[in-house]
C-alpha cells in the first residue's frame, strides 16, 4: 500500500512577498514562452524563476540555467522569501472553477503531503496511467539535481467510497484559509495547514490512512514522479544518516476520485503528412471502422467536442474534420477487434486506443510515429483543431476530436497494469505551483 507522510513545507512568507498571486504560477509544462515572460516580470520572486529557468545570452553552458535556479532557491531560503513550517503537517487544498467554455461551476478538495517513492510494477501501491517522454524527464532531472527540491506536486487519485476523507476536508475548509487567491484562469485556490502535533492532529493520521488504504493512481505528473525515482536512486549511492530521507518521497496532491467531481478534458489530434489525396480519401476510408454521420459544419462538429458539451466519454464517439468536410464517427467494436493491442479490457475499450488503431489503419501512423511528434500534433481546443485543418496551419490535413476519458476508466486501466498513450488525459484545473514546496535536502 502507498505510504503518505506529513512534512514541513517551504512556503512563501507573505510579509516578504506581499500579494501571493504575484509569486505563484501554473505548472511548468503548460507555460508558454510569452506567459513565462509575463510571470517573471510580475515579481522577481515568482516561482517560475526557479521552476522554469530559461537560458540567458551570457550562459556558457546549456545547464547554466539550472545552476542559476539553484542559486536563487538558496538565496530565497536565506533571505526569508521561503520559510519552512515549524511542524510537519498536511496541507488541505481547494479549487473552485468553471468548466472551460461552460457555466458549470465545480469545486474539488484534496490535500498535499509526501508520497513514498516506489518503482511501478504489478501489485504496487503507486500506479501510472500514461506513457512518458524522455525530454521532459531530462529537464526535470537536471532541475531536481541542481536544487534538491520539488517545486510542484504530482497529482494522485485515491478511492474512499466511505466519504470520511471528504468530510474531514470539508471540516477543515470551514475554517479560515491561510491562503486565498484567484489565478489568471479565474480559479479560486485556497490552502489550509493542518499541523501533525496541533489540536485536531488525528486528522493528519486519518487522512493519510484513508488515502493510503489502496493504490494511488497518478493523474498528473508522471514525468516528475519518474524523475524523483531517478533522483532517489542516485542519492542512495551516498550514505545517509536519516532513517527516512526526504528524497525517498515526492510532493503529491491527493484527490478522492469516487465523490469529487473531477474534470478531465480531452486532447485532440491534428494529423499531418497525408497529402491532399490522403486527406480527401480519409472520410471514405473511415467507413471500414466506423459508422459515419457526415457533417459539413466544422464549427458544429467542434462544439460537439468542446468542454462545454460535458460529454461523459468512453462510448467510441470521435469527430473527424478534413478540408473536404467532416463526420461524427461511431466505432464498430467488431471492426476494431483484430487490431486492438494486448492488454486489459479497460485499455482496449478506450477512445484513445480506438483512435490509435484508426491512425494506424487509415493514416499509416503507428505508435512510434506518434511519439516522434512529426505526424501528430495536439490541441486542447476542438475549435483550434478544426481551424488548423481548415487553414492548413503547420501542414494540418485532418483533425480527430475526442471526448474526455472518464475518471473511472483511468483508474481501471492503471489497476490492470496498463498505460494509455501520451496526452490521453488533461486534468483541469492544474495545481498551482508555489503554494507548497518540498525540500529534499536540508
Protein backbone atom coordinates (compact mmCIF):
# COMPACT_ATOMS: atom_id res chain seq x y z
CA UNK A 1 0.00 0.00 0.00
CA UNK A 2 1.20 3.58 -0.60
CA UNK A 3 2.78 5.47 2.28
CA UNK A 4 1.75 9.09 2.81
CA UNK A 5 3.55 11.33 5.27
CA UNK A 6 3.10 14.83 6.70
CA UNK A 7 6.08 17.13 6.19
CA UNK A 8 7.43 20.60 6.86
CA UNK A 9 6.69 22.51 3.67
CA UNK A 10 8.54 25.50 2.36
CA UNK A 11 6.07 28.34 1.78
CA UNK A 12 6.34 31.95 0.71
CA UNK A 13 6.45 34.40 3.61
CA UNK A 14 3.62 36.77 2.72
CA UNK A 15 5.17 39.54 4.83
CA UNK A 16 8.14 39.41 2.47
CA UNK A 17 6.48 38.83 -0.92
CA UNK A 18 3.16 40.63 -0.39
CA UNK A 19 0.39 39.54 -2.74
CA UNK A 20 0.75 35.74 -3.17
CA UNK A 21 -0.93 35.92 -6.57
CA UNK A 22 2.20 37.63 -7.90
CA UNK A 23 4.55 34.77 -7.00
CA UNK A 24 2.64 31.61 -7.95
CA UNK A 25 2.42 30.15 -11.46
CA UNK A 26 0.84 27.34 -13.47
CA UNK A 27 2.81 24.08 -13.77
CA UNK A 28 5.92 24.39 -15.93
CA UNK A 29 4.59 22.16 -18.71
CA UNK A 30 1.63 24.42 -19.58
CA UNK A 31 3.60 27.68 -19.59
CA UNK A 32 4.26 29.23 -23.00
CA UNK A 33 7.31 31.47 -23.55
CA UNK A 34 5.10 34.58 -23.54
CA UNK A 35 3.39 33.54 -20.30
CA UNK A 36 6.72 32.71 -18.73
CA UNK A 37 7.99 36.21 -19.54
CA UNK A 38 4.83 37.77 -18.09
CA UNK A 39 5.09 35.76 -14.88
CA UNK A 40 8.78 36.57 -14.47
CA UNK A 41 8.02 40.27 -14.91
CA UNK A 42 5.22 40.08 -12.34
CA UNK A 43 7.71 39.60 -9.50
CA UNK A 44 11.43 38.83 -9.12
CA UNK A 45 10.28 36.22 -6.60
CA UNK A 46 7.80 34.48 -8.90
CA UNK A 47 8.29 30.72 -8.71
CA UNK A 48 8.96 30.45 -12.48
CA UNK A 49 12.41 31.87 -11.84
CA UNK A 50 13.33 28.61 -10.09
CA UNK A 51 10.81 26.12 -11.54
CA UNK A 52 11.20 27.08 -15.20
CA UNK A 53 14.64 28.66 -15.65
CA UNK A 54 15.49 29.86 -19.15
CA UNK A 55 18.75 30.38 -20.98
CA UNK A 56 20.37 33.79 -20.90
CA UNK A 57 22.73 35.31 -23.51
CA UNK A 58 25.74 35.15 -21.18
CA UNK A 59 25.33 31.43 -20.45
CA UNK A 60 28.42 29.42 -21.34
CA UNK A 61 26.68 26.07 -20.87
CA UNK A 62 23.08 24.96 -21.54
CA UNK A 63 22.84 23.78 -17.93
CA UNK A 64 23.74 27.19 -16.52
CA UNK A 65 20.03 27.95 -16.20
CA UNK A 66 19.60 25.11 -13.68
CA UNK A 67 22.55 26.29 -11.64
CA UNK A 68 21.11 29.80 -11.68
CA UNK A 69 17.78 28.45 -10.41
CA UNK A 70 19.60 26.61 -7.61
CA UNK A 71 21.45 29.76 -6.51
CA UNK A 72 18.21 31.72 -6.45
CA UNK A 73 16.45 28.99 -4.49
CA UNK A 74 19.23 29.05 -1.86
CA UNK A 75 19.06 32.85 -1.77
CA UNK A 76 15.30 32.80 -1.16
CA UNK A 77 15.70 30.36 1.69
CA UNK A 78 18.39 32.54 3.20
CA UNK A 79 16.64 35.91 2.89
CA UNK A 80 13.27 34.72 4.21
CA UNK A 81 11.38 34.67 0.91
CA UNK A 82 10.73 30.99 1.61
CA UNK A 83 10.30 29.69 5.14
CA UNK A 84 9.95 26.11 6.35
CA UNK A 85 6.91 25.44 8.51
CA UNK A 86 7.88 24.73 12.11
CA UNK A 87 5.93 21.46 12.40
CA UNK A 88 5.14 18.63 9.96
CA UNK A 89 1.64 18.64 8.59
CA UNK A 90 -0.66 18.07 5.65
CA UNK A 91 -1.99 20.91 3.51
CA UNK A 92 -5.67 20.94 2.56
CA UNK A 93 -6.19 22.43 -0.89
CA UNK A 94 -9.41 23.57 -2.58
CA UNK A 95 -10.08 24.73 -6.15
CA UNK A 96 -13.33 26.35 -7.30
CA UNK A 97 -13.64 26.82 -11.05
CA UNK A 98 -15.89 26.99 -14.09
CA UNK A 99 -15.62 24.11 -16.55
CA UNK A 100 -13.98 25.77 -19.59
CA UNK A 101 -16.48 27.17 -22.05
CA UNK A 102 -19.46 26.49 -19.80
CA UNK A 103 -21.42 27.99 -16.91
CA UNK A 104 -20.93 24.86 -14.80
CA UNK A 105 -19.06 25.64 -11.56
CA UNK A 106 -17.28 22.86 -9.69
CA UNK A 107 -15.26 22.62 -6.51
CA UNK A 108 -12.68 19.97 -5.61
CA UNK A 109 -10.78 19.44 -2.38
CA UNK A 110 -7.67 17.42 -1.71
CA UNK A 111 -4.55 17.59 0.38
CA UNK A 112 -0.80 17.84 -0.13
CA UNK A 113 1.68 15.52 1.53
CA UNK A 114 4.69 13.37 0.80
CA UNK A 115 4.27 10.06 -1.05
CA UNK A 116 6.92 7.38 -0.63
CA UNK A 117 8.52 6.57 -3.97
CA UNK A 118 8.37 3.06 -5.37
CA UNK A 119 9.00 1.64 -8.84
CA UNK A 120 5.98 0.91 -10.98
CA UNK A 121 5.07 -2.75 -11.15
CA UNK A 122 2.40 -5.40 -10.54
CA UNK A 123 0.83 -5.09 -7.11
CA UNK A 124 2.43 -1.71 -6.48
CA UNK A 125 0.94 1.00 -4.34
CA UNK A 126 1.55 3.73 -6.94
CA UNK A 127 0.13 3.17 -10.41
CA UNK A 128 0.80 5.08 -13.65
CA UNK A 129 -1.85 5.53 -16.31
CA UNK A 130 0.07 7.25 -19.12
CA UNK A 131 3.33 6.84 -21.05
CA UNK A 132 6.05 9.46 -20.67
CA UNK A 133 8.53 11.18 -22.96
CA UNK A 134 12.30 11.39 -22.41
CA UNK A 135 12.72 15.14 -22.99
CA UNK A 136 10.64 16.47 -20.08
CA UNK A 137 12.15 13.90 -17.71
CA UNK A 138 15.69 15.05 -18.51
CA UNK A 139 14.75 18.68 -17.93
CA UNK A 140 13.11 17.93 -14.57
CA UNK A 141 16.02 15.73 -13.51
CA UNK A 142 18.57 18.47 -14.15
CA UNK A 143 16.49 20.92 -12.14
CA UNK A 144 15.98 18.50 -9.25
CA UNK A 145 19.65 17.56 -9.19
CA UNK A 146 20.62 21.25 -9.05
CA UNK A 147 18.10 22.35 -6.42
CA UNK A 148 17.25 19.26 -4.37
CA UNK A 149 13.57 20.22 -4.23
CA UNK A 150 10.09 19.56 -5.62
CA UNK A 151 8.54 22.87 -6.67
CA UNK A 152 5.24 21.40 -7.86
CA UNK A 153 3.33 18.26 -6.89
CA UNK A 154 2.34 15.20 -8.77
CA UNK A 155 -1.41 14.58 -8.57
CA UNK A 156 -2.61 11.22 -7.25
CA UNK A 157 -6.11 9.75 -7.13
CA UNK A 158 -7.35 7.52 -4.36
CA UNK A 159 -10.70 5.87 -3.68
CA UNK A 160 -12.62 6.42 -0.45
CA UNK A 161 -16.28 5.50 -1.08
CA UNK A 162 -16.99 5.89 2.65
CA UNK A 163 -16.84 9.66 2.31
CA UNK A 164 -14.80 10.01 5.50
CA UNK A 165 -11.93 11.87 3.84
CA UNK A 166 -14.35 14.24 2.11
CA UNK A 167 -15.98 15.00 5.46
CA UNK A 168 -12.58 15.72 7.05
CA UNK A 169 -11.59 18.04 4.22
CA UNK A 170 -14.93 19.87 4.40
CA UNK A 171 -14.47 20.35 8.15
CA UNK A 172 -11.04 21.89 7.62
CA UNK A 173 -12.36 24.07 4.78
CA UNK A 174 -14.98 25.55 7.11
CA UNK A 175 -12.17 27.35 8.96
CA UNK A 176 -10.22 30.41 7.71
CA UNK A 177 -7.70 29.59 4.99
CA UNK A 178 -4.06 30.65 5.26
CA UNK A 179 -4.09 31.47 1.55
CA UNK A 180 -6.95 32.53 -0.74
CA UNK A 181 -6.16 33.65 -4.29
CA UNK A 182 -7.79 33.66 -7.71
CA UNK A 183 -5.43 32.78 -10.55
CA UNK A 184 -5.28 34.08 -14.11
CA UNK A 185 -7.79 31.44 -15.27
CA UNK A 186 -10.33 32.56 -12.70
CA UNK A 187 -9.76 29.51 -10.48
CA UNK A 188 -10.09 30.25 -6.77
CA UNK A 189 -7.32 28.48 -4.84
CA UNK A 190 -7.44 28.09 -1.04
CA UNK A 191 -4.97 26.44 1.33
CA UNK A 192 -5.09 25.30 4.96
CA UNK A 193 -2.26 23.98 7.14
CA UNK A 194 -3.09 21.02 9.41
CA UNK A 195 -0.08 20.50 11.67
CA UNK A 196 0.55 17.00 12.91
CA UNK A 197 1.10 17.99 16.56
CA UNK A 198 -1.55 20.69 16.78
CA UNK A 199 -5.12 20.37 18.13
CA UNK A 200 -7.01 18.11 15.75
CA UNK A 201 -3.81 16.28 14.80
CA UNK A 202 -5.62 12.92 14.38
CA UNK A 203 -6.94 14.45 11.15
CA UNK A 204 -3.44 14.11 9.70
CA UNK A 205 -3.20 10.43 10.59
CA UNK A 206 -6.70 9.66 9.35
CA UNK A 207 -6.30 11.44 6.01
CA UNK A 208 -3.02 9.64 5.34
CA UNK A 209 -4.60 6.32 6.30
CA UNK A 210 -7.71 6.80 4.16
CA UNK A 211 -5.75 7.90 1.08
CA UNK A 212 -3.22 5.12 1.54
CA UNK A 213 -5.75 2.32 2.03
CA UNK A 214 -5.49 1.34 -1.63
CA UNK A 215 -3.32 2.13 -4.64
CA UNK A 216 -2.75 5.75 -5.64
CA UNK A 217 -3.09 6.36 -9.38
CA UNK A 218 -1.01 9.16 -10.85
CA UNK A 219 -3.36 11.56 -12.63
CA UNK A 220 -0.78 14.21 -13.50
CA UNK A 221 2.98 14.44 -13.12
CA UNK A 222 4.25 11.10 -14.46
CA UNK A 223 7.45 12.81 -15.63
CA UNK A 224 8.02 14.35 -12.19
CA UNK A 225 7.42 11.02 -10.45
CA UNK A 226 9.86 9.12 -12.65
CA UNK A 227 12.40 11.92 -12.23
CA UNK A 228 12.03 11.71 -8.46
CA UNK A 229 12.68 7.96 -8.62
CA UNK A 230 15.85 8.56 -10.59
CA UNK A 231 16.99 11.23 -8.13
CA UNK A 232 16.27 8.92 -5.18
CA UNK A 233 18.34 6.13 -6.70
CA UNK A 234 21.24 8.50 -7.31
CA UNK A 235 21.12 9.82 -3.75
CA UNK A 236 21.02 6.31 -2.29
CA UNK A 237 24.53 5.74 -3.62
CA UNK A 238 25.72 8.18 -0.96
CA UNK A 239 25.26 7.13 2.68
CA UNK A 240 22.63 8.99 4.71
CA UNK A 241 22.26 9.29 8.47
CA UNK A 242 18.47 9.67 8.13
CA UNK A 243 16.18 6.67 8.53
CA UNK A 244 13.65 8.11 6.07
CA UNK A 245 15.42 10.74 3.99
CA UNK A 246 13.22 13.26 2.21
CA UNK A 247 14.48 12.12 -1.18
CA UNK A 248 12.65 8.80 -0.64
CA UNK A 249 9.42 10.78 -1.08
CA UNK A 250 7.83 13.08 -3.64
CA UNK A 251 5.48 16.02 -3.15
CA UNK A 252 1.94 14.89 -4.04
CA UNK A 253 -1.55 16.34 -4.18
CA UNK A 254 -4.19 13.72 -3.40
CA UNK A 255 -7.78 13.82 -4.68
CA UNK A 256 -10.50 11.32 -3.85
CA UNK A 257 -11.93 10.06 -7.14
CA UNK A 258 -15.29 8.48 -6.31
CA UNK A 259 -17.00 11.53 -4.82
CA UNK A 260 -15.04 14.55 -6.05
CA UNK A 261 -16.43 15.98 -9.34
CA UNK A 262 -13.07 15.85 -11.11
CA UNK A 263 -12.82 17.36 -14.58
CA UNK A 264 -10.85 15.66 -17.35
CA UNK A 265 -10.52 17.47 -20.67
CA UNK A 266 -9.75 15.80 -23.98
CA UNK A 267 -6.64 16.41 -26.05
CA UNK A 268 -7.45 16.36 -29.77
CA UNK A 269 -5.14 15.09 -32.52
CA UNK A 270 -4.06 17.03 -35.60
CA UNK A 271 -2.66 14.82 -38.36
CA UNK A 272 -0.05 15.97 -40.87
CA UNK A 273 1.58 14.43 -43.90
CA UNK A 274 -1.48 12.84 -45.51
CA UNK A 275 -1.35 14.97 -48.64
CA UNK A 276 -4.40 16.26 -50.49
CA UNK A 277 -5.37 12.84 -51.82
CA UNK A 278 -4.91 11.08 -48.49
CA UNK A 279 -6.91 13.70 -46.64
CA UNK A 280 -9.79 13.67 -49.13
CA UNK A 281 -9.95 9.85 -49.08
CA UNK A 282 -9.91 9.67 -45.29
CA UNK A 283 -13.64 10.16 -44.80
CA UNK A 284 -14.50 7.28 -47.12
CA UNK A 285 -11.80 5.04 -45.64
CA UNK A 286 -13.13 5.63 -42.13
CA UNK A 287 -16.18 3.59 -43.05
CA UNK A 288 -14.13 0.40 -42.60
CA UNK A 289 -14.02 1.01 -38.85
CA UNK A 290 -16.80 3.46 -38.01
CA UNK A 291 -20.42 4.24 -38.67
CA UNK A 292 -20.30 7.67 -40.29
CA UNK A 293 -22.63 10.64 -39.94
CA UNK A 294 -21.44 13.34 -42.39
CA UNK A 295 -21.14 16.88 -41.02
CA UNK A 296 -20.25 19.82 -43.24
CA UNK A 297 -20.19 22.45 -40.49
CA UNK A 298 -16.80 22.46 -38.79
CA UNK A 299 -17.98 24.79 -36.03
CA UNK A 300 -20.87 22.47 -35.18
CA UNK A 301 -18.55 19.46 -35.06
CA UNK A 302 -16.10 21.33 -32.82
CA UNK A 303 -18.93 22.40 -30.49
CA UNK A 304 -19.96 18.77 -30.01
CA UNK A 305 -16.49 18.05 -28.58
CA UNK A 306 -15.97 21.29 -26.64
CA UNK A 307 -15.59 21.08 -22.84
CA UNK A 308 -18.92 22.89 -22.51
CA UNK A 309 -20.62 19.86 -24.09
CA UNK A 310 -19.72 17.93 -20.89
CA UNK A 311 -19.78 14.65 -22.78
CA UNK A 312 -19.22 11.65 -20.49
CA UNK A 313 -16.80 10.00 -22.93
CA UNK A 314 -15.91 6.37 -23.30
CA UNK A 315 -18.55 5.30 -25.83
CA UNK A 316 -16.47 5.19 -29.01
CA UNK A 317 -17.54 8.57 -30.38
CA UNK A 318 -14.93 10.52 -32.36
CA UNK A 319 -15.05 13.52 -34.64
CA UNK A 320 -13.17 13.80 -37.93
CA UNK A 321 -12.56 17.01 -39.86
CA UNK A 322 -10.76 17.46 -43.17
CA UNK A 323 -10.75 20.21 -45.77
CA UNK A 324 -13.24 18.04 -47.68
CA UNK A 325 -15.71 18.06 -44.80
CA UNK A 326 -16.19 16.10 -41.63
CA UNK A 327 -18.15 13.45 -39.81
CA UNK A 328 -19.26 12.13 -36.48
CA UNK A 329 -17.72 8.67 -36.13
CA UNK A 330 -19.12 5.80 -34.04
CA UNK A 331 -16.76 2.88 -33.55
CA UNK A 332 -17.97 -0.57 -34.55
CA UNK A 333 -16.47 -2.88 -31.95
CA UNK A 334 -16.20 -5.88 -34.21
CA UNK A 335 -14.29 -3.91 -36.82
CA UNK A 336 -11.60 -2.95 -34.29
CA UNK A 337 -11.21 -6.29 -32.54
CA UNK A 338 -8.47 -7.75 -34.79
CA UNK A 339 -6.29 -4.66 -34.39
CA UNK A 340 -6.58 -3.86 -30.68
CA UNK A 341 -3.39 -4.06 -28.60
CA UNK A 342 -2.86 -6.70 -26.00
CA UNK A 343 -3.82 -5.66 -22.51
CA UNK A 344 -6.80 -5.44 -20.21
CA UNK A 345 -10.37 -4.76 -21.21
CA UNK A 346 -10.29 -1.21 -19.83
CA UNK A 347 -7.41 -0.17 -22.09
CA UNK A 348 -8.83 -1.89 -25.16
CA UNK A 349 -12.15 -0.04 -24.99
CA UNK A 350 -10.71 3.46 -24.58
CA UNK A 351 -11.49 6.02 -27.26
CA UNK A 352 -7.78 6.91 -27.42
CA UNK A 353 -6.97 3.24 -28.07
CA UNK A 354 -9.54 3.11 -30.86
CA UNK A 355 -8.04 6.30 -32.26
CA UNK A 356 -4.55 4.77 -32.30
CA UNK A 357 -5.95 1.87 -34.34
CA UNK A 358 -7.60 4.34 -36.69
CA UNK A 359 -4.35 6.27 -37.13
CA UNK A 360 -2.50 3.07 -37.98
CA UNK A 361 -5.15 1.62 -40.31
CA UNK A 362 -6.35 4.79 -42.02
CA UNK A 363 -3.32 7.10 -41.89
CA UNK A 364 -0.39 4.65 -41.68
CA UNK A 365 0.80 6.35 -38.47
CA UNK A 366 1.98 3.84 -35.87
CA UNK A 367 2.75 4.47 -32.19
CA UNK A 368 6.41 5.23 -32.91
CA UNK A 369 5.46 7.89 -35.46
CA UNK A 370 3.04 9.42 -32.96
CA UNK A 371 5.75 9.54 -30.30
CA UNK A 372 8.17 11.26 -32.70
CA UNK A 373 5.83 14.24 -32.93
CA UNK A 374 6.35 14.63 -36.68
CA UNK A 375 2.97 13.37 -37.89
CA UNK A 376 0.63 14.17 -35.00
CA UNK A 377 0.19 17.42 -33.09
CA UNK A 378 -2.16 18.14 -30.18
CA UNK A 379 -4.76 20.74 -29.33
CA UNK A 380 -6.71 21.33 -26.12
CA UNK A 381 -9.44 23.13 -28.04
CA UNK A 382 -11.62 21.31 -30.58
CA UNK A 383 -12.25 24.62 -32.36
CA UNK A 384 -8.49 25.19 -32.61
CA UNK A 385 -8.01 21.71 -34.10
CA UNK A 386 -10.72 22.26 -36.72
CA UNK A 387 -9.39 25.73 -37.58
CA UNK A 388 -5.85 24.36 -38.02
CA UNK A 389 -7.09 21.92 -40.66
CA UNK A 390 -9.33 24.42 -42.43
CA UNK A 391 -6.44 26.88 -42.65
CA UNK A 392 -3.75 24.27 -43.32
CA UNK A 393 -1.81 25.55 -40.31
CA UNK A 394 1.50 23.75 -39.91
CA UNK A 395 0.62 21.28 -42.66
CA UNK A 396 -2.51 20.06 -40.84
CA UNK A 397 -4.53 17.70 -43.06
CA UNK A 398 -7.08 16.22 -40.63
CA UNK A 399 -8.24 16.51 -37.04
CA UNK A 400 -9.58 13.74 -34.85
CA UNK A 401 -11.70 15.05 -32.00
CA UNK A 402 -12.12 13.13 -28.76
CA UNK A 403 -14.37 13.04 -25.74
CA UNK A 404 -12.64 13.08 -22.33
CA UNK A 405 -11.60 9.81 -20.72
CA UNK A 406 -13.85 9.04 -17.72
CA UNK A 407 -12.01 9.02 -14.40
CA UNK A 408 -13.30 5.50 -13.70
CA UNK A 409 -11.66 4.28 -16.92
CA UNK A 410 -8.35 5.90 -15.95
CA UNK A 411 -8.41 4.09 -12.63
CA UNK A 412 -9.38 0.80 -14.30
CA UNK A 413 -6.54 0.98 -16.84
CA UNK A 414 -3.99 1.64 -14.10
CA UNK A 415 -5.42 -1.15 -11.92
CA UNK A 416 -4.97 -3.63 -14.78
CA UNK A 417 -1.31 -2.64 -15.13
CA UNK A 418 -1.74 -0.89 -18.48
CA UNK A 419 -0.94 2.64 -19.62
CA UNK A 420 -2.54 4.99 -22.11
CA UNK A 421 -0.84 6.81 -24.99
CA UNK A 422 0.78 10.16 -24.24
CA UNK A 423 -1.60 13.09 -23.85
CA UNK A 424 -4.65 10.95 -23.24
CA UNK A 425 -5.85 13.00 -20.28
CA UNK A 426 -5.78 16.61 -19.18
CA UNK A 427 -6.97 17.13 -15.63
CA UNK A 428 -8.39 20.60 -15.07
CA UNK A 429 -7.64 22.83 -13.27
CA UNK A 430 -3.94 22.32 -12.75
CA UNK A 431 -2.46 22.60 -9.28
CA UNK A 432 -0.77 25.96 -8.81
CA UNK A 433 2.99 25.90 -8.40
CA UNK A 434 4.39 27.87 -5.47
CA UNK A 435 1.77 27.27 -2.79
CA UNK A 436 3.75 24.46 -1.15
CA UNK A 437 7.37 23.44 -1.91
CA UNK A 438 9.11 20.27 -0.76
CA UNK A 439 12.79 20.47 0.23
CA UNK A 440 14.58 17.16 -0.35
CA UNK A 441 17.86 18.40 1.12
CA UNK A 442 18.34 20.47 4.29
